Protein backbone atom coordinates (compact mmCIF):
# COMPACT_ATOMS: atom_id res chain seq x y z
CA MET A 1 -144.40 -50.25 59.31
CA LYS A 2 -145.76 -49.35 62.74
CA GLY A 3 -144.34 -45.86 62.40
CA THR A 4 -146.00 -45.42 59.01
CA LEU A 5 -149.37 -46.56 60.32
CA ARG A 6 -149.02 -44.26 63.33
CA TYR A 7 -148.26 -41.36 60.98
CA LEU A 8 -151.21 -42.08 58.68
CA ALA A 9 -153.60 -42.47 61.59
CA GLY A 10 -152.24 -39.43 63.39
CA ILE A 11 -151.82 -41.46 66.58
CA ALA A 12 -150.32 -39.41 69.39
CA GLY A 13 -146.93 -40.40 70.79
CA PRO A 14 -145.57 -40.04 74.34
CA SER A 15 -145.74 -36.23 74.08
CA GLY A 16 -149.50 -36.40 73.57
CA PHE A 17 -149.17 -35.16 70.00
CA GLY A 18 -148.71 -36.77 66.60
CA SER A 19 -148.53 -36.17 62.86
CA ASN A 20 -151.94 -34.45 62.73
CA SER A 21 -151.17 -31.97 65.52
CA THR A 22 -150.93 -28.32 64.54
CA ALA A 23 -148.50 -25.70 65.79
CA GLU A 24 -151.28 -23.96 67.72
CA GLN A 25 -152.37 -27.19 69.38
CA VAL A 26 -148.90 -28.11 70.62
CA THR A 27 -148.37 -24.64 72.13
CA HIS A 28 -151.87 -24.04 73.51
CA GLN A 29 -150.62 -23.97 77.12
CA HIS A 30 -148.43 -20.96 76.30
CA HIS A 31 -150.83 -18.02 76.32
CA SER A 32 -149.57 -14.66 75.08
CA SER A 33 -149.95 -13.19 78.57
CA SER A 34 -148.08 -15.98 80.34
CA SER A 35 -144.71 -15.07 81.83
CA SER A 36 -143.20 -18.28 80.42
CA SER A 37 -143.23 -16.98 76.85
CA SER A 38 -143.90 -13.22 77.02
CA ASN A 39 -140.26 -12.42 77.81
CA LEU A 40 -138.78 -14.62 75.08
CA THR A 41 -137.14 -13.52 71.86
CA ALA A 42 -136.80 -15.87 68.90
CA ILE A 43 -134.91 -15.56 65.63
CA ILE A 44 -136.43 -17.59 62.80
CA THR A 45 -134.62 -17.87 59.48
CA GLY A 46 -136.69 -18.29 56.34
CA ALA A 47 -139.78 -16.95 58.10
CA SER A 48 -141.09 -15.06 55.08
CA SER A 49 -143.05 -18.06 53.79
CA GLY A 50 -144.15 -21.63 54.46
CA ILE A 51 -143.29 -23.39 57.69
CA GLY A 52 -141.13 -20.50 58.84
CA ALA A 53 -143.96 -17.98 58.48
CA GLU A 54 -146.34 -20.24 60.37
CA THR A 55 -143.75 -20.76 63.10
CA ALA A 56 -143.39 -16.98 63.41
CA ARG A 57 -147.17 -16.51 63.58
CA VAL A 58 -147.71 -19.12 66.28
CA LEU A 59 -144.77 -18.02 68.43
CA ALA A 60 -145.96 -14.41 68.16
CA LYS A 61 -149.43 -15.55 69.19
CA ARG A 62 -147.85 -17.12 72.29
CA GLY A 63 -146.26 -13.81 73.22
CA VAL A 64 -142.75 -14.40 71.89
CA LYS A 65 -140.98 -11.45 70.28
CA VAL A 66 -140.18 -12.74 66.81
CA VAL A 67 -137.26 -11.67 64.64
CA ILE A 68 -137.96 -12.63 61.04
CA ALA A 69 -134.60 -13.25 59.40
CA ALA A 70 -135.34 -13.16 55.68
CA ARG A 71 -133.73 -12.56 52.34
CA ASP A 72 -136.96 -11.29 50.75
CA ILE A 73 -137.89 -8.22 52.80
CA LYS A 74 -141.07 -7.57 50.82
CA LYS A 75 -142.42 -11.02 51.68
CA ALA A 76 -141.27 -10.63 55.28
CA LYS A 77 -143.23 -7.38 55.59
CA GLN A 78 -146.32 -9.13 54.27
CA VAL A 79 -145.91 -11.86 56.90
CA LYS A 80 -145.47 -9.24 59.63
CA GLU A 81 -148.59 -7.35 58.51
CA LYS A 82 -150.60 -10.58 58.45
CA ILE A 83 -149.42 -11.52 61.95
CA GLN A 84 -150.16 -8.09 63.39
CA LYS A 85 -153.59 -8.01 61.76
CA GLU A 86 -154.45 -11.25 63.57
CA ILE A 87 -152.49 -10.42 66.74
CA PRO A 88 -152.44 -6.62 67.22
CA ASN A 89 -150.02 -6.76 70.14
CA ALA A 90 -147.57 -9.08 68.36
CA LYS A 91 -143.93 -8.04 68.56
CA VAL A 92 -142.27 -8.67 65.20
CA VAL A 93 -138.93 -7.39 63.92
CA ILE A 94 -137.61 -7.86 60.38
CA LEU A 95 -133.90 -8.13 59.63
CA GLU A 96 -132.37 -8.99 56.27
CA ILE A 97 -130.14 -12.01 55.86
CA ASN A 98 -128.79 -14.01 52.95
CA LEU A 99 -127.58 -17.31 54.37
CA SER A 100 -125.44 -17.99 51.31
CA SER A 101 -123.35 -14.88 52.05
CA PHE A 102 -120.94 -14.75 54.99
CA ALA A 103 -120.94 -10.93 54.85
CA SER A 104 -124.74 -10.85 55.06
CA ILE A 105 -124.75 -13.21 58.04
CA HIS A 106 -122.24 -11.04 59.90
CA SER A 107 -124.26 -7.93 59.05
CA PHE A 108 -127.46 -9.54 60.33
CA CYS A 109 -125.81 -10.51 63.62
CA SER A 110 -124.38 -7.01 64.08
CA HIS A 111 -127.82 -5.46 63.53
CA PHE A 112 -129.44 -7.92 65.92
CA ILE A 113 -126.86 -7.37 68.66
CA ALA A 114 -127.35 -3.61 68.25
CA LEU A 115 -131.03 -4.04 69.15
CA ASP A 116 -129.92 -5.10 72.64
CA LEU A 117 -132.53 -7.84 72.81
CA PRO A 118 -132.20 -11.16 74.65
CA LEU A 119 -131.94 -14.28 72.51
CA ASN A 120 -133.78 -17.28 73.89
CA ILE A 121 -134.63 -19.24 70.75
CA LEU A 122 -132.80 -19.65 67.45
CA ILE A 123 -134.67 -21.57 64.76
CA ASN A 124 -132.48 -22.48 61.78
CA ASN A 125 -135.37 -23.06 59.41
CA ALA A 126 -134.44 -21.61 56.02
CA GLY A 127 -133.65 -24.04 53.25
CA VAL A 128 -133.18 -24.27 49.50
CA PHE A 129 -133.32 -27.05 46.95
CA SER A 130 -131.65 -26.64 43.58
CA GLN A 131 -131.90 -29.07 40.68
CA ASN A 132 -128.92 -27.38 39.05
CA LEU A 133 -125.44 -26.77 40.39
CA GLU A 134 -125.13 -23.24 41.78
CA PHE A 135 -122.55 -21.57 44.00
CA SER A 136 -122.68 -19.08 46.86
CA GLN A 137 -120.76 -15.79 46.95
CA GLU A 138 -117.91 -17.71 48.58
CA LYS A 139 -117.95 -20.30 45.74
CA ILE A 140 -119.48 -23.05 47.89
CA GLU A 141 -122.20 -25.32 46.48
CA MET A 142 -125.42 -23.37 47.14
CA THR A 143 -127.56 -26.00 48.89
CA PHE A 144 -124.84 -26.89 51.39
CA ALA A 145 -123.85 -23.23 51.80
CA THR A 146 -127.38 -22.10 52.62
CA ASN A 147 -128.87 -25.05 54.48
CA TYR A 148 -125.86 -25.97 56.57
CA ILE A 149 -122.83 -23.66 56.49
CA GLY A 150 -124.87 -20.44 56.71
CA HIS A 151 -126.74 -21.73 59.75
CA PHE A 152 -123.50 -23.05 61.24
CA LEU A 153 -121.95 -19.57 61.04
CA LEU A 154 -125.10 -17.87 62.32
CA THR A 155 -125.19 -20.19 65.32
CA GLU A 156 -121.48 -19.72 66.04
CA ILE A 157 -121.78 -15.94 66.10
CA LEU A 158 -124.94 -15.86 68.25
CA LEU A 159 -124.12 -18.72 70.62
CA GLU A 160 -122.44 -16.58 73.28
CA LYS A 161 -125.44 -14.23 73.23
CA MET A 162 -127.72 -17.19 73.87
CA ILE A 163 -125.56 -18.50 76.71
CA GLU A 164 -125.45 -15.02 78.26
CA THR A 165 -129.23 -14.63 77.95
CA ALA A 166 -129.82 -18.00 79.61
CA GLU A 167 -127.49 -17.13 82.48
CA MET A 168 -129.09 -13.73 83.09
CA SER A 169 -132.72 -14.82 82.69
CA GLY A 170 -132.57 -18.29 84.19
CA ILE A 171 -134.51 -19.49 81.13
CA GLU A 172 -133.10 -22.32 79.03
CA GLY A 173 -132.01 -21.25 75.56
CA ARG A 174 -133.07 -23.44 72.65
CA ILE A 175 -131.66 -23.89 69.17
CA ILE A 176 -133.64 -25.87 66.62
CA ASN A 177 -132.16 -27.09 63.33
CA VAL A 178 -134.87 -27.93 60.82
CA SER A 179 -133.65 -31.08 59.10
CA SER A 180 -135.52 -33.80 57.19
CA VAL A 181 -136.03 -37.55 57.18
CA ILE A 182 -134.31 -37.36 53.80
CA HIS A 183 -131.02 -37.19 55.73
CA SER A 184 -131.24 -40.98 55.97
CA TRP A 185 -130.77 -41.27 52.20
CA VAL A 186 -127.05 -40.65 52.81
CA LYS A 187 -126.10 -44.15 53.85
CA ASN A 188 -122.38 -44.08 54.56
CA ARG A 189 -119.29 -41.96 55.01
CA ASP A 190 -118.15 -42.63 51.46
CA ALA A 191 -121.02 -40.43 50.25
CA PHE A 192 -120.19 -37.65 52.69
CA HIS A 193 -116.83 -36.18 51.65
CA PHE A 194 -116.66 -32.53 52.74
CA ASN A 195 -114.45 -31.22 49.95
CA ASP A 196 -116.50 -32.90 47.24
CA ILE A 197 -119.71 -31.52 48.76
CA ILE A 198 -118.60 -27.89 48.87
CA LYS A 199 -117.23 -28.13 45.32
CA GLY A 200 -120.42 -29.72 43.99
CA THR A 201 -118.54 -32.71 42.56
CA ASN A 202 -120.87 -35.03 40.58
CA TYR A 203 -123.77 -32.81 41.60
CA ASN A 204 -127.24 -34.21 42.13
CA GLY A 205 -129.92 -31.94 43.60
CA THR A 206 -131.66 -34.51 45.78
CA ARG A 207 -128.38 -35.93 47.07
CA ALA A 208 -127.11 -32.41 47.85
CA TYR A 209 -130.26 -31.64 49.81
CA ALA A 210 -130.03 -34.91 51.76
CA ARG A 211 -126.39 -34.22 52.65
CA SER A 212 -127.26 -30.74 53.92
CA LYS A 213 -130.03 -32.16 56.11
CA LEU A 214 -127.65 -34.81 57.49
CA ALA A 215 -125.19 -32.02 58.26
CA ASN A 216 -127.90 -30.16 60.20
CA ILE A 217 -128.31 -33.13 62.54
CA LEU A 218 -124.58 -33.71 62.94
CA HIS A 219 -124.22 -30.02 63.74
CA ALA A 220 -126.84 -30.33 66.49
CA LYS A 221 -125.09 -33.40 67.91
CA GLU A 222 -121.69 -31.71 68.12
CA ILE A 223 -122.91 -28.37 69.48
CA ALA A 224 -124.95 -30.26 72.09
CA ARG A 225 -121.76 -32.02 73.19
CA GLN A 226 -119.87 -28.75 73.41
CA LEU A 227 -122.65 -27.00 75.35
CA LYS A 228 -122.85 -29.88 77.82
CA ALA A 229 -119.08 -29.71 78.36
CA ARG A 230 -119.44 -26.01 79.16
CA ASN A 231 -122.42 -26.68 81.44
CA ALA A 232 -124.28 -24.03 79.44
CA ARG A 233 -128.04 -23.79 79.83
CA VAL A 234 -128.67 -23.91 76.10
CA THR A 235 -129.92 -26.92 74.17
CA ILE A 236 -129.87 -27.73 70.48
CA ASN A 237 -132.03 -30.28 68.68
CA ALA A 238 -132.93 -31.22 65.12
CA VAL A 239 -136.46 -31.71 63.81
CA HIS A 240 -138.13 -33.30 60.81
CA PRO A 241 -141.20 -31.19 59.95
CA GLY A 242 -142.83 -33.83 57.78
CA ILE A 243 -143.52 -33.64 54.07
CA VAL A 244 -145.21 -30.33 53.37
CA LYS A 245 -145.76 -28.69 49.98
CA THR A 246 -143.51 -25.72 50.72
CA GLY A 247 -141.37 -23.67 48.38
CA ILE A 248 -138.69 -26.35 48.51
CA ILE A 249 -141.10 -29.04 47.34
CA ARG A 250 -142.38 -26.73 44.62
CA GLY A 251 -138.83 -26.70 43.29
CA HIS A 252 -139.59 -30.21 42.04
CA GLN A 253 -142.68 -29.16 40.08
CA GLY A 254 -143.64 -30.70 36.80
CA LEU A 255 -146.38 -32.93 35.44
CA LEU A 256 -145.07 -36.02 37.24
CA MET A 257 -144.62 -34.27 40.59
CA ASP A 258 -147.99 -32.53 40.34
CA SER A 259 -149.62 -35.90 39.70
CA ILE A 260 -147.82 -37.47 42.65
CA PHE A 261 -148.88 -34.65 44.96
CA PHE A 262 -152.48 -34.88 43.75
CA ILE A 263 -152.54 -38.60 44.55
CA ALA A 264 -150.66 -38.21 47.82
CA SER A 265 -152.41 -35.04 49.01
CA LYS A 266 -153.98 -36.85 51.95
CA LEU A 267 -150.52 -37.88 53.14
CA LEU A 268 -149.01 -34.39 53.06
CA LYS A 269 -149.01 -32.18 56.12
CA SER A 270 -150.56 -28.75 56.20
CA THR A 271 -148.22 -25.86 56.86
CA SER A 272 -149.44 -25.64 60.46
CA GLN A 273 -148.85 -29.36 60.97
CA GLY A 274 -145.40 -28.95 59.40
CA ALA A 275 -144.54 -26.17 61.87
CA SER A 276 -145.79 -28.11 64.89
CA THR A 277 -142.62 -30.02 65.77
CA THR A 278 -140.48 -26.90 65.61
CA CYS A 279 -142.91 -25.00 67.85
CA TYR A 280 -143.19 -27.94 70.23
CA VAL A 281 -139.43 -28.24 70.70
CA ALA A 282 -139.13 -24.45 71.02
CA LEU A 283 -141.69 -24.02 73.81
CA SER A 284 -142.67 -27.30 75.45
CA GLN A 285 -141.66 -27.95 79.05
CA LYS A 286 -141.39 -31.62 78.11
CA THR A 287 -138.33 -30.96 75.95
CA GLU A 288 -136.49 -29.00 78.65
CA GLY A 289 -132.95 -30.25 79.19
CA GLY A 290 -133.00 -32.48 76.12
CA SER A 291 -130.16 -31.76 73.71
CA GLY A 292 -128.66 -33.44 70.65
CA LYS A 293 -131.99 -35.14 69.96
CA TYR A 294 -133.98 -35.65 66.77
CA PHE A 295 -137.73 -35.02 66.75
CA ALA A 296 -140.48 -35.93 64.30
CA ASP A 297 -144.25 -35.49 64.73
CA CYS A 298 -143.61 -33.72 68.07
CA ASN A 299 -141.90 -36.75 69.60
CA GLU A 300 -138.30 -37.81 69.97
CA SER A 301 -137.44 -40.10 67.09
CA LYS A 302 -134.57 -42.12 65.65
CA CYS A 303 -132.25 -40.66 63.06
CA SER A 304 -129.90 -42.62 60.84
CA ARG A 305 -126.82 -44.40 62.13
CA LEU A 306 -124.56 -41.94 60.32
CA ALA A 307 -126.45 -38.98 61.86
CA ASN A 308 -125.77 -40.50 65.29
CA ASP A 309 -122.03 -40.85 64.68
CA GLU A 310 -120.30 -38.57 67.22
CA LEU A 311 -116.92 -38.85 65.51
CA GLU A 312 -118.47 -37.85 62.19
CA ALA A 313 -120.16 -34.90 63.91
CA GLN A 314 -116.85 -33.71 65.38
CA LYS A 315 -115.09 -34.21 62.06
CA LEU A 316 -117.71 -32.15 60.22
CA TRP A 317 -117.51 -29.37 62.82
CA ASN A 318 -113.71 -29.23 62.51
CA GLN A 319 -113.85 -29.19 58.71
CA THR A 320 -116.44 -26.42 58.72
CA GLN A 321 -114.41 -24.34 61.17
CA ALA A 322 -111.32 -24.79 58.99
CA LEU A 323 -113.30 -23.65 55.95
CA LEU A 324 -114.58 -20.55 57.73
CA HIS A 325 -111.08 -19.67 58.93
CA ASN A 326 -110.06 -19.38 55.29
CA TYR A 327 -112.47 -16.45 54.92
CA PHE A 328 -111.95 -14.62 58.23
């Protein structure tokens, strides 16, 4: 109850920010000319619209070179043009990626590596919601393939580049998995069977989305453990952006949902408020060194018991690696 009241009132937490804070507000100390952000490069998936586009805009405004990783190149170009119109000296690169295709992910990484850029920040932001059962090119249930497995593979391929960049620059690398509070709807292990998930057994769109968001947190927990064991100067955290009327939410549209959103409009975050936690974790000095954490409203928060299960995180990582080995 206290958390709900704090959210509604926009009361700031220990970080000094809260649910009403915008992405620009939480990064205001990072000016585009400051050395702390002007030498950084960030990859942002799903940055052609919504929270991802706003994250790209704000990071570019703070001097970060932004790589928009997008499936829709036309939309990505529109975002780039909009950013550069507002910020003429913004450094924005567009690279195509389809996170539901392993071949596309490998192609994206090859093109990025060929640019010979550092990689300081990786924001796994892209997400899909599907009411109907669909499958990826590799015949994996589409929501899980895109939201979790695609980002898992992307992170695996680019992780050594991030570690190398951190070692050479002396600047901590940061990976952010955009999750959701909806992860807590998956209550126990019995509802989280890997083989059933990838096959889409007894498919339900909302349940599939919740499972993928739980997987994003478990992924962050396990990679954080591995990075700590290697003494690597790279962190990984998960964030809940809040409830924003993005493309994913619009996937639920209909008379009932439109009515609910009309009534609840005062409770929804703006796109800039939705991007704030991601931007905060990406740039704030206050999050330095923190890894395997879960953030909401720009403050460290509690995730579900299952999301905190280290054994479940290791099990999921092993199962995902085994799946990928079947394709490569």
